[in-house]
Amino acid sequence: MINWNDFEKVEMRIGTILEVHDFPEALKPAYQLRIDFGPVIGILKSSAQITQRYTKEDLVDRQIMAVVNFPKKQIGRFMSECLVMGAVGEAGDIVLLAPDFKVENGLRIG
């Protein structure tokens, strides 16, 4: 179990996907994403294994939830700067977590 203070350390924010690129160097099928988290946080990059359910065209301009305060992670020659959040099915397919309505980029999840 974690306490409330532990939960508050995880900074989950809303962002809009600006660009999606194939990531052929990844060990598992993935995309490289550029995500806008608003003027305070800015644009961050992420690698996401979401190719089973989403095409690149499905993702551009889509709002998502992500953790923005993990340390950066080197994935091959790509530096991932945030963790896109999704529900993982038994087959490993991921369904992105997203707001029901368009909201301001950078809003904190709490």
C-alpha atoms as a PDB file:
ATOM      1  CA  MET A   1       0.000   0.000   0.000  1.00  0.00           C
ATOM      2  CA  ILE A   2       1.103   3.549  -0.665  1.00  0.00           C
ATOM      3  CA  ASN A   3       0.000   6.622   1.206  1.00  0.00           C
ATOM      4  CA  TRP A   4      -1.457   9.846  -0.181  1.00  0.00           C
ATOM      5  CA  ASN A   5       1.939  11.576  -0.168  1.00  0.00           C
ATOM      6  CA  ASP A   6       3.363   8.795  -2.369  1.00  0.00           C
ATOM      7  CA  PHE A   7       0.465   9.161  -4.839  1.00  0.00           C
ATOM      8  CA  GLU A   8       0.938  12.937  -5.042  1.00  0.00           C
ATOM      9  CA  LYS A   9       4.547  12.415  -6.182  1.00  0.00           C
ATOM     10  CA  VAL A  10       3.336  10.813  -9.428  1.00  0.00           C
ATOM     11  CA  GLU A  11       2.687  13.690 -11.817  1.00  0.00           C
ATOM     12  CA  MET A  12       0.059  12.539 -14.314  1.00  0.00           C
ATOM     13  CA  ARG A  13      -0.875  15.100 -16.954  1.00  0.00           C
ATOM     14  CA  ILE A  14      -3.030  15.468 -20.070  1.00  0.00           C
ATOM     15  CA  GLY A  15      -1.238  15.979 -23.369  1.00  0.00           C
ATOM     16  CA  THR A  16      -2.066  16.048 -27.072  1.00  0.00           C
ATOM     17  CA  ILE A  17      -0.120  13.859 -29.483  1.00  0.00           C
ATOM     18  CA  LEU A  18       1.440  16.070 -32.164  1.00  0.00           C
ATOM     19  CA  GLU A  19       3.489  13.555 -34.161  1.00  0.00           C
ATOM     20  CA  VAL A  20       3.720   9.783 -34.485  1.00  0.00           C
ATOM     21  CA  HIS A  21       6.608   7.934 -36.118  1.00  0.00           C
ATOM     22  CA  ASP A  22       7.403   4.254 -36.597  1.00  0.00           C
ATOM     23  CA  PHE A  23      10.065   2.898 -34.248  1.00  0.00           C
ATOM     24  CA  PRO A  24      11.613  -0.048 -36.120  1.00  0.00           C
ATOM     25  CA  GLU A  25      14.580  -0.263 -33.703  1.00  0.00           C
ATOM     26  CA  ALA A  26      12.315  -1.097 -30.727  1.00  0.00           C
ATOM     27  CA  LEU A  27      12.404  -4.687 -29.485  1.00  0.00           C
ATOM     28  CA  LYS A  28       8.588  -4.814 -29.450  1.00  0.00           C
ATOM     29  CA  PRO A  29       6.424  -2.960 -32.003  1.00  0.00           C
ATOM     30  CA  ALA A  30       6.138   0.674 -30.895  1.00  0.00           C
ATOM     31  CA  TYR A  31       5.680   4.243 -32.029  1.00  0.00           C
ATOM     32  CA  GLN A  32       7.707   7.323 -31.198  1.00  0.00           C
ATOM     33  CA  LEU A  33       5.399  10.126 -30.036  1.00  0.00           C
ATOM     34  CA  ARG A  34       5.794  13.888 -29.581  1.00  0.00           C
ATOM     35  CA  ILE A  35       3.245  15.103 -27.021  1.00  0.00           C
ATOM     36  CA  ASP A  36       2.277  18.672 -26.097  1.00  0.00           C
ATOM     37  CA  PHE A  37       1.755  19.121 -22.350  1.00  0.00           C
ATOM     38  CA  GLY A  38       1.101  22.868 -22.496  1.00  0.00           C
ATOM     39  CA  PRO A  39       3.273  25.928 -21.890  1.00  0.00           C
ATOM     40  CA  VAL A  40       4.638  24.957 -18.467  1.00  0.00           C
ATOM     41  CA  ILE A  41       5.869  21.427 -19.320  1.00  0.00           C
ATOM     42  CA  GLY A  42       6.207  21.782 -23.089  1.00  0.00           C
ATOM     43  CA  ILE A  43       6.632  19.014 -25.645  1.00  0.00           C
ATOM     44  CA  LEU A  44       7.939  15.635 -24.494  1.00  0.00           C
ATOM     45  CA  LYS A  45       8.812  12.462 -26.394  1.00  0.00           C
ATOM     46  CA  SER A  46       7.670   8.952 -25.569  1.00  0.00           C
ATOM     47  CA  SER A  47       7.939   5.455 -26.960  1.00  0.00           C
ATOM     48  CA  ALA A  48       4.645   3.571 -26.751  1.00  0.00           C
ATOM     49  CA  GLN A  49       3.834  -0.060 -27.558  1.00  0.00           C
ATOM     50  CA  ILE A  50       0.359   0.756 -28.853  1.00  0.00           C
ATOM     51  CA  THR A  51       0.590  -0.528 -32.422  1.00  0.00           C
ATOM     52  CA  GLN A  52      -1.925  -3.370 -31.940  1.00  0.00           C
ATOM     53  CA  ARG A  53      -4.917  -1.051 -31.509  1.00  0.00           C
ATOM     54  CA  TYR A  54      -3.863   2.278 -33.021  1.00  0.00           C
ATOM     55  CA  THR A  55      -2.605   3.507 -36.372  1.00  0.00           C
ATOM     56  CA  LYS A  56      -0.428   6.587 -36.606  1.00  0.00           C
ATOM     57  CA  GLU A  57      -3.379   8.477 -38.092  1.00  0.00           C
ATOM     58  CA  ASP A  58      -5.595   7.474 -35.126  1.00  0.00           C
ATOM     59  CA  LEU A  59      -3.161   9.069 -32.695  1.00  0.00           C
ATOM     60  CA  VAL A  60      -2.405  12.528 -34.116  1.00  0.00           C
ATOM     61  CA  ASP A  61      -4.374  15.227 -32.213  1.00  0.00           C
ATOM     62  CA  ARG A  62      -5.571  12.666 -29.647  1.00  0.00           C
ATOM     63  CA  GLN A  63      -5.389  13.615 -25.965  1.00  0.00           C
ATOM     64  CA  ILE A  64      -3.813  11.091 -23.603  1.00  0.00           C
ATOM     65  CA  MET A  65      -2.708  10.755 -19.987  1.00  0.00           C
ATOM     66  CA  ALA A  66       0.963  10.357 -19.151  1.00  0.00           C
ATOM     67  CA  VAL A  67       3.350  10.404 -16.214  1.00  0.00           C
ATOM     68  CA  VAL A  68       5.740  13.302 -16.798  1.00  0.00           C
ATOM     69  CA  ASN A  69       8.078  13.093 -13.805  1.00  0.00           C
ATOM     70  CA  PHE A  70       9.816   9.746 -14.292  1.00  0.00           C
ATOM     71  CA  PRO A  71      13.508   9.878 -15.188  1.00  0.00           C
ATOM     72  CA  LYS A  72      14.219   9.855 -18.929  1.00  0.00           C
ATOM     73  CA  LYS A  73      14.722   6.381 -20.396  1.00  0.00           C
ATOM     74  CA  GLN A  74      17.048   5.547 -23.272  1.00  0.00           C
ATOM     75  CA  ILE A  75      15.429   3.113 -25.713  1.00  0.00           C
ATOM     76  CA  GLY A  76      17.954   2.384 -28.430  1.00  0.00           C
ATOM     77  CA  ARG A  77      18.875   5.773 -29.897  1.00  0.00           C
ATOM     78  CA  PHE A  78      15.592   7.296 -28.690  1.00  0.00           C
ATOM     79  CA  MET A  79      15.188   9.128 -25.362  1.00  0.00           C
ATOM     80  CA  SER A  80      11.727   8.650 -23.839  1.00  0.00           C
ATOM     81  CA  GLU A  81      10.780  11.555 -21.565  1.00  0.00           C
ATOM     82  CA  CYS A  82       7.350  10.503 -20.267  1.00  0.00           C
ATOM     83  CA  LEU A  83       5.217   7.380 -19.826  1.00  0.00           C
ATOM     84  CA  VAL A  84       1.965   7.196 -21.779  1.00  0.00           C
ATOM     85  CA  MET A  85      -0.706   5.455 -19.686  1.00  0.00           C
ATOM     86  CA  GLY A  86      -2.967   2.662 -20.843  1.00  0.00           C
ATOM     87  CA  ALA A  87      -4.844  -0.416 -19.727  1.00  0.00           C
ATOM     88  CA  VAL A  88      -2.980  -3.604 -20.694  1.00  0.00           C
ATOM     89  CA  GLY A  89      -5.073  -6.536 -21.900  1.00  0.00           C
ATOM     90  CA  GLU A  90      -4.152 -10.204 -21.527  1.00  0.00           C
ATOM     91  CA  ALA A  91      -2.859 -10.302 -25.112  1.00  0.00           C
ATOM     92  CA  GLY A  92      -0.585  -7.327 -24.368  1.00  0.00           C
ATOM     93  CA  ASP A  93      -2.746  -4.902 -26.322  1.00  0.00           C
ATOM     94  CA  ILE A  94      -2.912  -1.471 -24.750  1.00  0.00           C
ATOM     95  CA  VAL A  95      -5.941   0.827 -24.598  1.00  0.00           C
ATOM     96  CA  LEU A  96      -4.912   4.424 -23.992  1.00  0.00           C
ATOM     97  CA  LEU A  97      -6.281   6.338 -21.018  1.00  0.00           C
ATOM     98  CA  ALA A  98      -7.775   9.659 -22.096  1.00  0.00           C
ATOM     99  CA  PRO A  99     -10.242  12.334 -20.970  1.00  0.00           C
ATOM    100  CA  ASP A 100     -13.847  12.033 -22.182  1.00  0.00           C
ATOM    101  CA  PHE A 101     -13.803  15.671 -23.329  1.00  0.00           C
ATOM    102  CA  LYS A 102     -11.072  17.879 -24.767  1.00  0.00           C
ATOM    103  CA  VAL A 103      -9.306  19.728 -21.940  1.00  0.00           C
ATOM    104  CA  GLU A 104      -6.330  22.031 -21.599  1.00  0.00           C
ATOM    105  CA  ASN A 105      -2.951  20.399 -22.204  1.00  0.00           C
ATOM    106  CA  GLY A 106      -0.951  20.049 -19.019  1.00  0.00           C
ATOM    107  CA  LEU A 107      -3.883  19.586 -16.650  1.00  0.00           C
ATOM    108  CA  ARG A 108      -2.891  17.407 -13.712  1.00  0.00           C
ATOM    109  CA  ILE A 109      -4.710  14.156 -12.971  1.00  0.00           C
ATOM    110  CA  GLY A 110      -5.574  13.796  -9.326  1.00  0.00           C
END
